[in-house]
Amino acid sequence: MRNLGFATYGSTTPSDPVIFLFHGLPGSRIVGRSWDKICKKIGARLITIDRPGCGLSTLADRGLTDWPEDVVSLANHLGIRRFSVLGASGGGPFALACARFIPKERLRGTTVVCGIGPIEALLDTMPYLSWRLMGITPWFLKLVARYLILPSLVSPYCTRDPSRLKRVLEDQCKTPEEKALISNDSDSDTNLDDTVAGLLEAFKQGTEGCMRDGAVLARDWGFELKDVDSEKVWLVHGDKDTHTPLEMVQWIDERLGGGRLRVLEGKTHFTIWKDHSEEIFRQSAEA
């Protein structure tokens, strides 16, 4: 038996639309704190889920194609018939897996914000990378991503010291707009203390959960994007995103059939939420 950790935010009215939010990497269910006020305002029930080994969820060898089953199981447990999903950053592929495998009768819509793509997207959109590594093959790049790139991305967060985590987050913010997003203003949607709490929770069981979470994304996804029914799939991305290049999500959009992508001018991986959170969550709730 496995545990699946979750938290509820936003509206408490049972009849209001439900959004399952999938956190980034690293992350945990506590990410929902940032969107509690907005979801109350628009009348949406927000449910966030810890992926295996993160927060309260049991560490397990689960792939992308297993995630939709977990989501449906939780929906059944909570008595929720229909719902939308929203995946942010590293949570994007998990949302797309739901779009592929959860029937329309249950899934109202899928939103991906600043979502990452598969290794194949890197090879197709960054030919310079392939040239520099002398025609690297996809399987070898997956090994590099899993055993070199992934640890380097996760390691800065592997501390139980809140003050150190705050410094890591502050160092990642390069523009004044990004720095304002993680202010300690209690009225701010993205409060620095909440972000730190979410990262501490992500590593509550150690580093293995986040490492496996990333490894899932670095290997074959187990489904083809062309097989996703994209009628109610929305991709939202900032054109200044340096964490997930715009070319990657354009690659995803093309394989979904095109016309699913909305590009927000001047927005980064972080600032995309500043002016667009309400419309993103509202679209998901009204899908």
Protein backbone atom coordinates (compact mmCIF):
# COMPACT_ATOMS: atom_id res chain seq x y z
CA MET A 1 0.00 0.00 0.00
CA ARG A 2 1.24 3.49 -0.89
CA ASN A 3 0.44 6.88 0.59
CA LEU A 4 -0.45 9.77 -1.72
CA GLY A 5 -0.05 13.13 -0.04
CA PHE A 6 -2.34 15.98 -1.05
CA ALA A 7 -3.58 19.35 0.18
CA THR A 8 -6.67 21.41 -0.59
CA TYR A 9 -6.83 25.15 -1.20
CA GLY A 10 -9.21 27.70 -2.64
CA SER A 11 -12.97 27.26 -2.50
CA THR A 12 -14.54 24.89 0.01
CA THR A 13 -17.83 24.69 -1.89
CA PRO A 14 -18.28 21.07 -3.08
CA SER A 15 -20.04 22.07 -6.29
CA ASP A 16 -17.23 24.39 -7.46
CA PRO A 17 -14.91 23.17 -10.26
CA VAL A 18 -11.81 21.22 -9.23
CA ILE A 19 -8.25 21.79 -10.44
CA PHE A 20 -5.50 19.28 -9.66
CA LEU A 21 -2.20 21.17 -9.63
CA PHE A 22 1.07 19.33 -10.29
CA HIS A 23 4.15 20.94 -8.72
CA GLY A 24 7.49 21.57 -10.40
CA LEU A 25 10.85 19.95 -9.74
CA PRO A 26 11.69 19.99 -6.92
CA GLY A 27 8.37 20.66 -5.27
CA SER A 28 5.54 19.50 -3.06
CA ARG A 29 1.83 19.96 -2.39
CA ILE A 30 2.57 23.12 -0.37
CA VAL A 31 2.95 25.01 -3.66
CA GLY A 32 -0.83 25.45 -3.46
CA ARG A 33 -0.44 28.09 -0.76
CA SER A 34 0.59 30.58 -3.44
CA TRP A 35 -2.72 30.22 -5.28
CA ASP A 36 -5.14 29.85 -2.36
CA LYS A 37 -6.44 33.44 -2.53
CA ILE A 38 -6.88 33.44 -6.29
CA CYS A 39 -8.77 30.15 -6.30
CA LYS A 40 -11.06 31.40 -3.54
CA LYS A 41 -11.69 34.53 -5.60
CA ILE A 42 -12.62 32.66 -8.79
CA GLY A 43 -14.52 29.91 -6.98
CA ALA A 44 -12.27 26.95 -7.74
CA ARG A 45 -11.23 24.03 -5.56
CA LEU A 46 -7.46 23.56 -5.84
CA ILE A 47 -5.94 20.20 -4.93
CA THR A 48 -2.18 19.72 -4.98
CA ILE A 49 -0.49 16.32 -4.93
CA ASP A 50 2.94 15.14 -3.75
CA ARG A 51 4.58 12.93 -6.35
CA PRO A 52 6.21 9.66 -5.17
CA GLY A 53 8.96 10.22 -2.60
CA CYS A 54 8.12 13.92 -2.19
CA GLY A 55 6.36 15.28 0.89
CA LEU A 56 3.90 12.71 2.22
CA SER A 57 3.81 10.39 -0.80
CA THR A 58 5.47 6.99 -0.58
CA LEU A 59 8.64 6.53 -2.61
CA ALA A 60 7.86 4.22 -5.52
CA ASP A 61 9.06 3.42 -9.01
CA ARG A 62 6.28 5.12 -10.96
CA GLY A 63 6.49 6.49 -14.49
CA LEU A 64 4.61 9.21 -16.32
CA THR A 65 2.04 6.72 -17.57
CA ASP A 66 1.28 5.66 -13.99
CA TRP A 67 0.48 9.18 -12.81
CA PRO A 68 -3.01 9.46 -14.38
CA GLU A 69 -4.04 6.37 -12.41
CA ASP A 70 -2.97 8.04 -9.16
CA VAL A 71 -4.87 11.21 -10.04
CA VAL A 72 -8.07 9.32 -10.85
CA SER A 73 -7.71 7.24 -7.67
CA LEU A 74 -7.49 10.43 -5.59
CA ALA A 75 -10.45 11.96 -7.43
CA ASN A 76 -12.49 8.83 -6.70
CA HIS A 77 -11.43 8.89 -3.05
CA LEU A 78 -12.61 12.51 -2.75
CA GLY A 79 -15.84 11.86 -4.66
CA ILE A 80 -14.85 14.10 -7.56
CA ARG A 81 -16.34 13.13 -10.91
CA ARG A 82 -14.88 15.75 -13.26
CA PHE A 83 -11.79 17.90 -12.92
CA SER A 84 -9.08 19.83 -14.73
CA VAL A 85 -5.32 19.44 -14.37
CA LEU A 86 -2.62 22.10 -14.37
CA GLY A 87 1.09 21.25 -14.57
CA ALA A 88 3.77 23.86 -13.90
CA SER A 89 7.36 23.46 -15.13
CA GLY A 90 8.41 19.90 -14.24
CA GLY A 91 4.75 19.13 -13.58
CA GLY A 92 3.91 19.81 -17.23
CA PRO A 93 4.70 16.32 -18.56
CA PHE A 94 2.51 14.80 -15.81
CA ALA A 95 -0.38 16.98 -16.98
CA LEU A 96 0.16 15.88 -20.58
CA ALA A 97 0.13 12.25 -19.45
CA CYS A 98 -3.29 12.90 -17.92
CA ALA A 99 -4.46 14.43 -21.19
CA ARG A 100 -3.35 11.25 -22.95
CA PHE A 101 -4.80 8.63 -20.61
CA ILE A 102 -7.71 10.07 -18.60
CA PRO A 103 -11.05 9.84 -20.45
CA LYS A 104 -12.85 13.02 -21.49
CA GLU A 105 -15.74 12.01 -19.25
CA ARG A 106 -13.49 12.73 -16.27
CA LEU A 107 -10.96 15.29 -17.53
CA ARG A 108 -12.34 18.72 -18.34
CA GLY A 109 -9.10 20.30 -19.57
CA THR A 110 -5.30 20.37 -19.31
CA THR A 111 -3.11 23.44 -18.81
CA VAL A 112 0.69 23.40 -18.97
CA VAL A 113 2.59 26.48 -17.78
CA CYS A 114 6.29 26.70 -18.66
CA GLY A 115 6.34 22.94 -19.11
CA ILE A 116 9.47 21.02 -19.98
CA GLY A 117 9.71 18.67 -22.94
CA PRO A 118 11.29 15.28 -23.56
CA ILE A 119 14.95 14.72 -24.41
CA GLU A 120 13.98 14.46 -28.08
CA ALA A 121 12.87 18.09 -27.98
CA LEU A 122 16.38 19.14 -26.93
CA LEU A 123 17.95 17.22 -29.80
CA ASP A 124 15.55 18.72 -32.33
CA THR A 125 15.63 22.32 -31.10
CA MET A 126 19.26 22.67 -30.02
CA PRO A 127 21.44 21.35 -32.85
CA TYR A 128 24.44 23.17 -31.33
CA LEU A 129 24.21 20.84 -28.33
CA SER A 130 24.42 17.79 -30.57
CA TRP A 131 27.34 19.27 -32.53
CA ARG A 132 29.33 20.13 -29.42
CA LEU A 133 28.93 16.58 -28.10
CA MET A 134 29.89 15.03 -31.45
CA GLY A 135 26.50 13.76 -32.53
CA ILE A 136 25.38 12.50 -29.14
CA THR A 137 22.67 9.85 -29.28
CA PRO A 138 19.36 10.24 -27.42
CA TRP A 139 20.05 7.35 -25.07
CA PHE A 140 23.38 8.81 -23.98
CA LEU A 141 21.89 12.27 -23.51
CA LYS A 142 19.26 10.71 -21.23
CA LEU A 143 22.07 9.25 -19.11
CA VAL A 144 23.80 12.62 -18.98
CA ALA A 145 20.54 14.30 -17.96
CA ARG A 146 19.83 11.74 -15.25
CA TYR A 147 23.26 11.39 -13.68
CA LEU A 148 24.90 14.78 -14.30
CA ILE A 149 22.38 17.51 -15.10
CA LEU A 150 19.64 16.40 -12.71
CA PRO A 151 21.89 16.20 -9.61
CA SER A 152 23.32 19.64 -10.41
CA LEU A 153 19.79 21.08 -10.59
CA VAL A 154 18.56 19.44 -7.39
CA SER A 155 21.66 19.74 -5.18
CA PRO A 156 21.31 23.48 -4.35
CA TYR A 157 18.00 22.70 -2.63
CA CYS A 158 19.30 19.74 -0.61
CA THR A 159 19.50 21.48 2.74
CA ARG A 160 17.32 21.64 5.83
CA ASP A 161 18.51 25.19 6.55
CA PRO A 162 15.71 27.65 5.64
CA SER A 163 18.06 30.64 5.50
CA ARG A 164 20.30 28.86 3.00
CA LEU A 165 17.30 27.96 0.85
CA LYS A 166 16.23 31.60 0.86
CA ARG A 167 19.66 32.61 -0.44
CA VAL A 168 19.46 29.99 -3.19
CA LEU A 169 16.07 31.33 -4.30
CA GLU A 170 17.22 34.94 -4.14
CA ASP A 171 20.29 34.12 -6.25
CA GLN A 172 18.05 32.58 -8.91
CA CYS A 173 16.11 35.81 -9.32
CA LYS A 174 17.95 37.98 -11.82
CA THR A 175 15.52 40.81 -12.57
CA PRO A 176 13.80 43.29 -10.21
CA GLU A 177 10.45 41.80 -11.25
CA GLU A 178 11.62 38.31 -10.26
CA LYS A 179 12.99 39.55 -6.93
CA ALA A 180 9.66 41.23 -6.16
CA LEU A 181 7.87 37.92 -6.68
CA ILE A 182 9.60 36.27 -3.72
CA SER A 183 9.23 39.17 -1.35
CA ASN A 184 8.20 38.42 2.21
CA ASP A 185 5.14 40.59 1.81
CA SER A 186 2.28 38.56 3.29
CA ASP A 187 0.00 40.00 0.60
CA SER A 188 2.21 38.67 -2.17
CA ASP A 189 0.90 35.62 -4.02
CA THR A 190 4.36 34.07 -4.02
CA ASN A 191 5.71 34.46 -0.50
CA LEU A 192 9.34 33.49 0.04
CA ASP A 193 8.60 31.68 3.30
CA ASP A 194 5.93 29.58 1.58
CA THR A 195 8.35 28.70 -1.22
CA VAL A 196 10.99 27.64 1.31
CA ALA A 197 8.42 25.57 3.21
CA GLY A 198 7.47 23.82 -0.01
CA LEU A 199 11.09 22.93 -0.78
CA LEU A 200 11.73 21.66 2.74
CA GLU A 201 8.65 19.47 2.37
CA ALA A 202 9.84 18.21 -1.02
CA PHE A 203 12.96 16.75 0.63
CA LYS A 204 11.20 15.59 3.78
CA GLN A 205 12.08 11.95 3.01
CA GLY A 206 15.53 12.76 1.61
CA THR A 207 16.68 13.40 -1.94
CA GLU A 208 15.65 10.13 -3.59
CA GLY A 209 12.08 11.21 -4.32
CA CYS A 210 13.09 14.33 -6.24
CA MET A 211 15.87 12.47 -8.02
CA ARG A 212 13.43 9.77 -9.18
CA ASP A 213 10.93 12.47 -10.12
CA GLY A 214 13.51 14.01 -12.43
CA ALA A 215 14.65 10.64 -13.74
CA VAL A 216 11.08 9.94 -14.88
CA LEU A 217 11.25 13.02 -17.09
CA ALA A 218 14.70 12.17 -18.43
CA ARG A 219 13.68 8.78 -19.77
CA ASP A 220 11.17 7.80 -22.43
CA TRP A 221 7.78 9.28 -21.53
CA GLY A 222 5.88 6.16 -22.56
CA PHE A 223 3.47 7.89 -24.94
CA GLU A 224 3.53 9.98 -28.10
CA LEU A 225 2.32 13.58 -28.01
CA LYS A 226 0.59 13.05 -31.36
CA ASP A 227 -1.72 10.59 -29.60
CA VAL A 228 -2.94 13.21 -27.10
CA ASP A 229 -6.43 14.59 -27.77
CA SER A 230 -5.38 18.23 -27.68
CA GLU A 231 -8.80 19.86 -28.09
CA LYS A 232 -8.74 21.00 -24.48
CA VAL A 233 -5.00 21.30 -23.92
CA TRP A 234 -3.54 24.77 -23.36
CA LEU A 235 0.16 25.63 -23.29
CA VAL A 236 1.23 28.92 -21.69
CA HIS A 237 4.85 30.08 -21.90
CA GLY A 238 6.97 33.21 -21.49
CA ASP A 239 9.24 34.24 -24.35
CA LYS A 240 12.01 35.14 -21.88
CA ASP A 241 12.01 31.76 -20.14
CA THR A 242 15.64 30.59 -19.82
CA HIS A 243 14.83 27.52 -17.72
CA THR A 244 12.58 25.99 -20.37
CA PRO A 245 13.36 27.58 -23.75
CA LEU A 246 10.41 28.67 -25.87
CA GLU A 247 11.61 26.41 -28.69
CA MET A 248 10.92 23.38 -26.51
CA VAL A 249 7.25 24.19 -25.95
CA GLN A 250 6.88 25.11 -29.62
CA TRP A 251 8.15 21.60 -30.37
CA ILE A 252 5.45 20.19 -28.05
CA ASP A 253 2.75 22.37 -29.61
CA GLU A 254 3.68 21.19 -33.10
CA ARG A 255 3.31 17.55 -32.09
CA LEU A 256 -0.02 18.25 -30.43
CA GLY A 257 -1.28 19.50 -33.78
CA GLY A 258 -0.51 23.21 -33.32
CA GLY A 259 -2.56 26.14 -32.11
CA ARG A 260 -2.43 25.19 -28.43
CA LEU A 261 0.34 27.62 -27.40
CA ARG A 262 -0.02 31.10 -25.98
CA VAL A 263 3.25 33.04 -25.66
CA LEU A 264 3.39 35.86 -23.11
CA GLU A 265 5.78 38.60 -24.11
CA GLY A 266 8.55 39.56 -21.70
CA LYS A 267 7.70 36.84 -19.16
CA THR A 268 10.21 34.45 -17.59
CA HIS A 269 9.83 31.08 -15.89
CA PHE A 270 8.88 32.96 -12.70
CA THR A 271 7.32 36.28 -13.72
CA ILE A 272 4.72 34.61 -15.93
CA TRP A 273 2.66 34.20 -12.75
CA LYS A 274 2.76 37.86 -11.73
CA ASP A 275 0.12 39.23 -14.08
CA HIS A 276 -1.46 36.08 -15.44
CA SER A 277 -2.17 33.77 -12.49
CA GLU A 278 -5.86 34.57 -12.28
CA GLU A 279 -6.55 34.07 -15.99
CA ILE A 280 -4.55 30.82 -16.03
CA PHE A 281 -6.48 29.35 -13.13
CA ARG A 282 -9.78 30.73 -14.36
CA GLN A 283 -9.31 29.12 -17.78
CA SER A 284 -8.50 25.82 -16.11
CA ALA A 285 -11.56 26.05 -13.85
CA GLU A 286 -13.88 26.94 -16.72
CA ALA A 287 -12.59 24.29 -19.14
